[in-house]
Protein backbone atom coordinates (compact mmCIF):
# COMPACT_ATOMS: atom_id res chain seq x y z
CA MET A 1 0.00 0.00 0.00
CA TYR A 2 1.13 3.52 -0.75
CA THR A 3 0.98 6.17 1.96
CA ALA A 4 0.17 9.86 1.76
CA GLY A 5 -0.19 13.06 3.72
CA VAL A 6 -2.41 16.02 2.88
CA LEU A 7 -1.40 19.48 4.05
CA THR A 8 -3.74 22.43 3.62
CA VAL A 9 -2.01 25.80 3.83
CA SER A 10 -4.64 28.43 4.56
CA ASP A 11 -4.95 31.15 7.17
CA SER A 12 -8.75 31.10 7.03
CA ALA A 13 -9.05 27.30 7.23
CA ALA A 14 -6.48 27.14 10.04
CA ARG A 15 -8.54 29.70 12.00
CA GLY A 16 -11.72 27.73 11.33
CA ASP A 17 -13.34 30.55 9.34
CA VAL A 18 -13.87 28.28 6.32
CA ARG A 19 -14.11 24.54 5.76
CA ASP A 20 -11.14 22.87 4.13
CA GLU A 21 -12.81 21.62 0.96
CA SER A 22 -9.64 21.25 -1.10
CA GLY A 23 -7.84 19.04 1.41
CA THR A 24 -10.96 16.90 1.64
CA VAL A 25 -11.01 16.47 -2.15
CA ILE A 26 -7.35 15.40 -2.17
CA ARG A 27 -7.86 12.95 0.68
CA HIS A 28 -10.91 11.40 -0.95
CA LEU A 29 -9.23 11.00 -4.34
CA LEU A 30 -6.06 9.53 -2.86
CA GLU A 31 -8.06 7.01 -0.82
CA GLN A 32 -10.18 6.18 -3.86
CA HIS A 33 -6.95 5.34 -5.72
CA GLY A 34 -5.56 3.02 -3.06
CA TYR A 35 -3.55 5.38 -0.88
CA ASP A 36 -3.56 5.18 2.89
CA VAL A 37 -3.78 8.83 3.98
CA LEU A 38 -1.90 8.65 7.26
CA LEU A 39 -1.60 12.37 7.97
CA TYR A 40 -3.89 15.34 7.33
CA LYS A 41 -3.41 18.82 8.72
CA THR A 42 -4.30 22.45 8.15
CA VAL A 43 -1.75 25.17 8.91
CA PRO A 44 -1.66 28.94 8.42
CA ASP A 45 0.36 30.54 5.62
CA GLU A 46 3.59 30.64 7.62
CA VAL A 47 6.80 29.42 6.00
CA GLN A 48 8.24 27.84 9.15
CA ASP A 49 4.99 26.03 9.99
CA VAL A 50 4.90 24.45 6.52
CA ILE A 51 8.60 23.56 6.64
CA ASP A 52 8.28 22.00 10.09
CA ILE A 53 5.30 19.85 9.13
CA LEU A 54 6.83 18.66 5.85
CA ILE A 55 10.15 17.73 7.47
CA THR A 56 8.46 16.01 10.41
CA TRP A 57 6.11 14.03 8.19
CA ILE A 58 8.88 12.94 5.84
CA ASP A 59 11.59 12.21 8.35
CA ARG A 60 9.38 10.43 10.90
CA THR A 61 6.73 8.76 8.77
CA SER A 62 8.39 8.01 5.41
CA LEU A 63 5.29 8.89 3.40
CA ASP A 64 5.29 8.08 -0.31
CA VAL A 65 3.65 11.36 -1.25
CA ILE A 66 2.56 14.62 0.36
CA VAL A 67 0.07 16.75 -1.52
CA THR A 68 -0.32 20.33 -0.34
CA THR A 69 -3.16 22.65 -1.22
CA GLY A 70 -3.20 26.42 -0.97
CA GLY A 71 -0.62 29.15 -0.77
CA THR A 72 0.56 28.89 -4.37
CA GLY A 73 -0.74 32.17 -5.76
CA LEU A 74 0.62 35.70 -5.90
CA SER A 75 -0.68 37.22 -2.69
CA PRO A 76 1.96 38.21 -0.13
CA ARG A 77 0.94 35.37 2.24
CA ASP A 78 1.18 32.65 -0.44
CA ILE A 79 4.37 30.88 0.69
CA THR A 80 3.90 27.18 0.00
CA PRO A 81 6.30 26.97 -2.98
CA GLU A 82 9.03 28.78 -1.03
CA ALA A 83 8.62 26.46 1.97
CA THR A 84 8.64 23.40 -0.27
CA LYS A 85 11.63 24.58 -2.29
CA SER A 86 13.65 25.08 0.88
CA ILE A 87 13.40 21.40 1.86
CA ILE A 88 13.37 19.42 -1.39
CA GLU A 89 16.52 17.73 -2.68
CA ARG A 90 15.41 17.27 -6.30
CA LYS A 91 12.87 19.20 -8.37
CA VAL A 92 10.27 17.47 -10.54
CA PRO A 93 9.21 20.41 -12.74
CA GLY A 94 7.12 18.39 -15.20
CA ILE A 95 4.47 17.74 -12.55
CA ALA A 96 3.86 21.42 -11.82
CA GLU A 97 3.96 22.25 -15.52
CA ALA A 98 1.36 19.58 -16.33
CA ILE A 99 -0.91 20.81 -13.51
CA ARG A 100 -0.77 24.39 -14.82
CA ILE A 101 -1.42 23.25 -18.39
CA LYS A 102 -4.51 21.29 -17.29
CA GLY A 103 -5.72 24.30 -15.30
CA LEU A 104 -5.54 26.49 -18.39
CA ASP A 105 -8.42 24.44 -19.82
CA SER A 106 -10.65 26.13 -17.22
CA THR A 107 -9.10 29.53 -16.60
CA PRO A 108 -6.18 31.66 -17.77
CA ARG A 109 -5.52 32.35 -14.08
CA ALA A 110 -4.00 28.88 -13.78
CA MET A 111 -0.76 30.33 -15.13
CA LEU A 112 -0.50 32.39 -11.95
CA SER A 113 -0.05 29.31 -9.77
CA ARG A 114 3.51 28.98 -8.52
CA GLY A 115 3.17 25.44 -7.19
CA ILE A 116 6.20 23.16 -7.45
CA ALA A 117 6.95 19.47 -7.01
CA GLY A 118 10.03 17.76 -5.71
CA VAL A 119 11.55 14.94 -3.73
CA ARG A 120 12.95 14.87 -0.21
CA GLY A 121 14.35 11.53 0.82
CA LYS A 122 11.91 9.00 -0.61
CA THR A 123 8.87 11.30 -0.51
CA LEU A 124 7.34 13.17 -3.43
CA ILE A 125 5.86 16.57 -2.50
CA ILE A 126 3.37 18.23 -4.83
CA ASN A 127 1.85 21.70 -4.37
CA LEU A 128 -1.68 22.19 -5.67
CA PRO A 129 -3.66 25.44 -5.72
CA GLY A 130 -6.28 26.14 -3.08
CA SER A 131 -9.55 25.92 -4.98
CA PRO A 132 -11.47 22.63 -5.02
CA LEU A 133 -11.79 22.77 -8.84
CA ALA A 134 -8.05 23.33 -9.32
CA VAL A 135 -7.34 20.52 -6.86
CA ALA A 136 -9.62 18.10 -8.70
CA GLN A 137 -7.96 18.99 -12.01
CA GLY A 138 -4.50 18.69 -10.52
CA MET A 139 -5.29 15.31 -9.00
CA GLU A 140 -6.59 14.13 -12.39
CA VAL A 141 -3.16 14.98 -13.81
CA ILE A 142 -1.01 13.40 -11.11
CA LEU A 143 -2.91 10.29 -10.07
CA PRO A 144 -1.95 8.27 -13.17
CA VAL A 145 1.77 8.69 -12.39
CA LEU A 146 1.96 8.89 -8.59
CA LYS A 147 2.55 5.20 -7.85
CA HIS A 148 5.08 4.90 -10.66
CA ALA A 149 6.88 7.99 -9.36
CA SER A 150 6.94 6.57 -5.83
CA ASP A 151 8.36 3.28 -7.08
CA LYS A 152 11.11 5.09 -8.99
CA ILE A 153 11.95 7.31 -6.01
CA LYS A 154 12.36 4.16 -3.90
CA GLY A 155 14.81 2.72 -6.42
CA ASP A 156 12.77 0.67 -8.91
CA THR A 157 14.99 0.21 -11.94
CA THR A 158 12.57 -1.52 -14.29
CA PRO A 159 12.18 0.21 -17.67
CA CYS A 160 9.40 2.79 -18.03
CA LEU A 161 7.68 1.11 -20.97
CA LYS A 162 4.02 1.32 -19.93
CA ILE A 163 1.93 4.43 -19.76
């Protein structure tokens, strides 16, 4: 079984002002695709909070994947990509590019998302935007490759022949 964590980065959701719909969508879709979502948390848009959670989850739990939602836009408090970038060891730019391309089918504003993806240890971290629609579209893009990516990160050396 593959394991996952879902981290929602949102001041308003962390305060309890709004319900975390995007994190719920991610959790549901991961579980629907055979992932055991071991960790789920909402934090405010604070760089150190995001860094601390990501490092703790990765170093103590050895998750296969962490999907974040929120904090990827252009507002001054959107810090998720910066926090993620500061802890990853290898970038996986094609994931973020594919997510933005898919988002452009719905809105030109998708190009404003600054989400990134990368690897720390044996964990893949993917930033998704904060809206439930953008999350659903992003998950549609990444779900077909997540397990393959996890296997490769863990050292699988079989050829990548199948799509």
